[in-house]
């Protein structure tokens, strides 16, 4: 007597959906990594701290996040505004970018790189891992 183990169609659909989600996530991660390496250099906190005195430090987070705390000396230029006001940044000075993680920084670096900015740097792991000097708004 032969016993055939069947797989329910619901389980097959679930496995297919999970596989698709994983493939999309892997593709997205690989694409972001490629863009980061093509347009910018990822800096450790120590390297970021050393170079930021001679650079334009840009916080890409929204204004309310910036007011709750930001890297001392940073300028708030949320990513949607950066796309409109990128001409205000100097091309002859390095641009140090950070956000909560590295997602917006990667998008901003790709955008700026396509518009002729060459010295782009991203803070590894973003503001959430920052242990340097910060400033909070009084209001």
C-alpha atoms as a PDB file:
ATOM      1  CA  UNK A   1       0.000   0.000   0.000  1.00  0.00           C
ATOM      2  CA  UNK A   2       1.414   3.391  -0.971  1.00  0.00           C
ATOM      3  CA  UNK A   3       0.771   6.420   1.201  1.00  0.00           C
ATOM      4  CA  UNK A   4       0.853   9.741  -0.601  1.00  0.00           C
ATOM      5  CA  UNK A   5       1.409  12.802   1.513  1.00  0.00           C
ATOM      6  CA  UNK A   6      -0.507  15.691   0.045  1.00  0.00           C
ATOM      7  CA  UNK A   7       0.091  19.342   0.658  1.00  0.00           C
ATOM      8  CA  UNK A   8      -2.945  21.502   1.066  1.00  0.00           C
ATOM      9  CA  UNK A   9      -3.390  24.267  -1.467  1.00  0.00           C
ATOM     10  CA  UNK A  10      -3.508  26.817   1.369  1.00  0.00           C
ATOM     11  CA  UNK A  11      -0.062  25.765   2.561  1.00  0.00           C
ATOM     12  CA  UNK A  12       1.314  25.969  -0.993  1.00  0.00           C
ATOM     13  CA  UNK A  13      -0.050  29.498  -1.379  1.00  0.00           C
ATOM     14  CA  UNK A  14       1.444  30.530   1.967  1.00  0.00           C
ATOM     15  CA  UNK A  15       4.854  29.114   1.005  1.00  0.00           C
ATOM     16  CA  UNK A  16       4.708  30.912  -2.338  1.00  0.00           C
ATOM     17  CA  UNK A  17       3.807  34.240  -0.710  1.00  0.00           C
ATOM     18  CA  UNK A  18       6.608  33.897   1.856  1.00  0.00           C
ATOM     19  CA  UNK A  19       9.095  33.030  -0.888  1.00  0.00           C
ATOM     20  CA  UNK A  20       8.054  36.063  -2.946  1.00  0.00           C
ATOM     21  CA  UNK A  21       8.354  38.367   0.075  1.00  0.00           C
ATOM     22  CA  UNK A  22      11.832  37.035   0.849  1.00  0.00           C
ATOM     23  CA  UNK A  23      12.966  37.448  -2.764  1.00  0.00           C
ATOM     24  CA  UNK A  24      11.681  41.041  -2.881  1.00  0.00           C
ATOM     25  CA  UNK A  25      13.411  41.837   0.413  1.00  0.00           C
ATOM     26  CA  UNK A  26      16.718  40.322  -0.765  1.00  0.00           C
ATOM     27  CA  UNK A  27      16.520  42.206  -4.075  1.00  0.00           C
ATOM     28  CA  UNK A  28      15.733  45.472  -2.285  1.00  0.00           C
ATOM     29  CA  UNK A  29      18.612  45.011   0.164  1.00  0.00           C
ATOM     30  CA  UNK A  30      21.049  44.198  -2.653  1.00  0.00           C
ATOM     31  CA  UNK A  31      19.911  47.193  -4.709  1.00  0.00           C
ATOM     32  CA  UNK A  32      20.279  49.594  -1.754  1.00  0.00           C
ATOM     33  CA  UNK A  33      23.749  48.202  -1.004  1.00  0.00           C
ATOM     34  CA  UNK A  34      24.754  48.679  -4.650  1.00  0.00           C
ATOM     35  CA  UNK A  35      23.499  52.288  -4.662  1.00  0.00           C
ATOM     36  CA  UNK A  36      25.305  53.067  -1.410  1.00  0.00           C
ATOM     37  CA  UNK A  37      28.608  51.742  -2.753  1.00  0.00           C
ATOM     38  CA  UNK A  38      28.196  53.507  -6.100  1.00  0.00           C
ATOM     39  CA  UNK A  39      27.440  56.993  -4.819  1.00  0.00           C
ATOM     40  CA  UNK A  40      28.753  57.286  -1.265  1.00  0.00           C
ATOM     41  CA  UNK A  41      31.170  56.042   1.342  1.00  0.00           C
ATOM     42  CA  UNK A  42      29.747  54.628   4.557  1.00  0.00           C
ATOM     43  CA  UNK A  43      31.618  55.982   7.584  1.00  0.00           C
ATOM     44  CA  UNK A  44      31.911  54.612  11.101  1.00  0.00           C
ATOM     45  CA  UNK A  45      30.971  56.971  13.915  1.00  0.00           C
ATOM     46  CA  UNK A  46      34.622  57.781  14.608  1.00  0.00           C
ATOM     47  CA  UNK A  47      35.351  58.634  10.968  1.00  0.00           C
ATOM     48  CA  UNK A  48      32.123  60.650  10.759  1.00  0.00           C
ATOM     49  CA  UNK A  49      33.084  62.636  13.876  1.00  0.00           C
ATOM     50  CA  UNK A  50      36.579  63.358  12.547  1.00  0.00           C
ATOM     51  CA  UNK A  51      35.445  64.609   9.135  1.00  0.00           C
ATOM     52  CA  UNK A  52      32.243  66.422  10.005  1.00  0.00           C
ATOM     53  CA  UNK A  53      34.010  69.631  11.061  1.00  0.00           C
ATOM     54  CA  UNK A  54      35.044  70.204   7.441  1.00  0.00           C
ATOM     55  CA  UNK A  55      31.783  69.040   5.862  1.00  0.00           C
ATOM     56  CA  UNK A  56      28.138  69.892   5.373  1.00  0.00           C
ATOM     57  CA  UNK A  57      26.287  67.639   7.831  1.00  0.00           C
ATOM     58  CA  UNK A  58      22.729  67.017   6.680  1.00  0.00           C
ATOM     59  CA  UNK A  59      20.002  65.424   8.806  1.00  0.00           C
ATOM     60  CA  UNK A  60      17.447  63.974   6.400  1.00  0.00           C
ATOM     61  CA  UNK A  61      14.793  63.234   9.018  1.00  0.00           C
ATOM     62  CA  UNK A  62      11.577  65.209   9.419  1.00  0.00           C
ATOM     63  CA  UNK A  63      11.671  68.455  11.398  1.00  0.00           C
ATOM     64  CA  UNK A  64       9.940  67.057  14.502  1.00  0.00           C
ATOM     65  CA  UNK A  65      12.516  64.232  14.737  1.00  0.00           C
ATOM     66  CA  UNK A  66      15.303  66.775  14.271  1.00  0.00           C
ATOM     67  CA  UNK A  67      13.938  68.905  17.123  1.00  0.00           C
ATOM     68  CA  UNK A  68      13.801  65.885  19.440  1.00  0.00           C
ATOM     69  CA  UNK A  69      17.542  65.439  18.977  1.00  0.00           C
ATOM     70  CA  UNK A  70      20.172  65.714  16.274  1.00  0.00           C
ATOM     71  CA  UNK A  71      23.923  65.620  15.776  1.00  0.00           C
ATOM     72  CA  UNK A  72      25.491  68.846  16.981  1.00  0.00           C
ATOM     73  CA  UNK A  73      26.210  71.060  13.975  1.00  0.00           C
ATOM     74  CA  UNK A  74      23.825  69.293  11.609  1.00  0.00           C
ATOM     75  CA  UNK A  75      21.449  71.095   9.287  1.00  0.00           C
ATOM     76  CA  UNK A  76      17.923  69.750   8.914  1.00  0.00           C
ATOM     77  CA  UNK A  77      17.006  69.169   5.288  1.00  0.00           C
ATOM     78  CA  UNK A  78      14.340  66.449   5.089  1.00  0.00           C
ATOM     79  CA  UNK A  79      14.720  64.246   2.037  1.00  0.00           C
ATOM     80  CA  UNK A  80      11.657  65.603   0.156  1.00  0.00           C
ATOM     81  CA  UNK A  81      13.032  69.156   0.554  1.00  0.00           C
ATOM     82  CA  UNK A  82      16.543  68.065  -0.402  1.00  0.00           C
ATOM     83  CA  UNK A  83      15.216  67.047  -3.800  1.00  0.00           C
ATOM     84  CA  UNK A  84      14.011  70.642  -4.303  1.00  0.00           C
ATOM     85  CA  UNK A  85      16.803  72.562  -2.552  1.00  0.00           C
ATOM     86  CA  UNK A  86      19.915  70.509  -3.345  1.00  0.00           C
ATOM     87  CA  UNK A  87      21.388  73.527  -5.154  1.00  0.00           C
ATOM     88  CA  UNK A  88      21.951  75.161  -1.753  1.00  0.00           C
ATOM     89  CA  UNK A  89      24.628  72.557  -0.965  1.00  0.00           C
ATOM     90  CA  UNK A  90      28.181  73.278  -2.019  1.00  0.00           C
ATOM     91  CA  UNK A  91      29.690  70.769  -4.439  1.00  0.00           C
ATOM     92  CA  UNK A  92      33.246  71.604  -3.351  1.00  0.00           C
ATOM     93  CA  UNK A  93      32.677  70.469   0.263  1.00  0.00           C
ATOM     94  CA  UNK A  94      31.967  66.927   1.467  1.00  0.00           C
ATOM     95  CA  UNK A  95      28.335  66.174   2.275  1.00  0.00           C
ATOM     96  CA  UNK A  96      27.762  64.004   5.352  1.00  0.00           C
ATOM     97  CA  UNK A  97      24.291  62.476   5.355  1.00  0.00           C
ATOM     98  CA  UNK A  98      22.350  60.710   8.055  1.00  0.00           C
ATOM     99  CA  UNK A  99      18.838  59.661   8.924  1.00  0.00           C
ATOM    100  CA  UNK A 100      17.405  57.202  11.439  1.00  0.00           C
ATOM    101  CA  UNK A 101      19.040  54.254   9.680  1.00  0.00           C
ATOM    102  CA  UNK A 102      20.605  54.419   6.238  1.00  0.00           C
ATOM    103  CA  UNK A 103      17.631  54.205   3.861  1.00  0.00           C
ATOM    104  CA  UNK A 104      17.006  57.912   3.256  1.00  0.00           C
ATOM    105  CA  UNK A 105      20.744  58.595   3.227  1.00  0.00           C
ATOM    106  CA  UNK A 106      21.180  56.060   0.439  1.00  0.00           C
ATOM    107  CA  UNK A 107      18.377  57.634  -1.602  1.00  0.00           C
ATOM    108  CA  UNK A 108      19.780  61.124  -1.015  1.00  0.00           C
ATOM    109  CA  UNK A 109      23.307  60.042  -1.954  1.00  0.00           C
ATOM    110  CA  UNK A 110      22.047  58.529  -5.208  1.00  0.00           C
ATOM    111  CA  UNK A 111      20.083  61.694  -5.995  1.00  0.00           C
ATOM    112  CA  UNK A 112      22.989  64.018  -5.207  1.00  0.00           C
ATOM    113  CA  UNK A 113      25.457  61.778  -7.045  1.00  0.00           C
ATOM    114  CA  UNK A 114      23.334  62.024 -10.180  1.00  0.00           C
ATOM    115  CA  UNK A 115      23.433  65.819  -9.828  1.00  0.00           C
ATOM    116  CA  UNK A 116      27.209  66.132  -9.724  1.00  0.00           C
ATOM    117  CA  UNK A 117      28.045  65.793  -6.024  1.00  0.00           C
ATOM    118  CA  UNK A 118      31.080  63.559  -5.601  1.00  0.00           C
ATOM    119  CA  UNK A 119      32.110  63.657  -1.944  1.00  0.00           C
ATOM    120  CA  UNK A 120      29.156  61.951  -0.282  1.00  0.00           C
ATOM    121  CA  UNK A 121      29.341  60.121   3.030  1.00  0.00           C
ATOM    122  CA  UNK A 122      26.733  58.215   5.035  1.00  0.00           C
ATOM    123  CA  UNK A 123      26.770  57.563   8.775  1.00  0.00           C
ATOM    124  CA  UNK A 124      26.804  53.809   9.346  1.00  0.00           C
ATOM    125  CA  UNK A 125      23.620  52.687  11.145  1.00  0.00           C
ATOM    126  CA  UNK A 126      22.353  56.286  11.227  1.00  0.00           C
ATOM    127  CA  UNK A 127      21.301  58.468  14.110  1.00  0.00           C
ATOM    128  CA  UNK A 128      19.798  55.643  16.173  1.00  0.00           C
ATOM    129  CA  UNK A 129      23.321  54.317  16.852  1.00  0.00           C
ATOM    130  CA  UNK A 130      24.964  57.747  17.325  1.00  0.00           C
ATOM    131  CA  UNK A 131      26.864  58.175  20.592  1.00  0.00           C
ATOM    132  CA  UNK A 132      28.448  61.567  19.900  1.00  0.00           C
ATOM    133  CA  UNK A 133      27.327  65.055  20.859  1.00  0.00           C
ATOM    134  CA  UNK A 134      23.695  65.895  20.233  1.00  0.00           C
ATOM    135  CA  UNK A 135      21.448  68.902  20.566  1.00  0.00           C
ATOM    136  CA  UNK A 136      17.737  69.123  21.293  1.00  0.00           C
ATOM    137  CA  UNK A 137      15.371  71.970  20.551  1.00  0.00           C
ATOM    138  CA  UNK A 138      14.039  73.956  23.498  1.00  0.00           C
ATOM    139  CA  UNK A 139      10.543  73.904  22.051  1.00  0.00           C
END
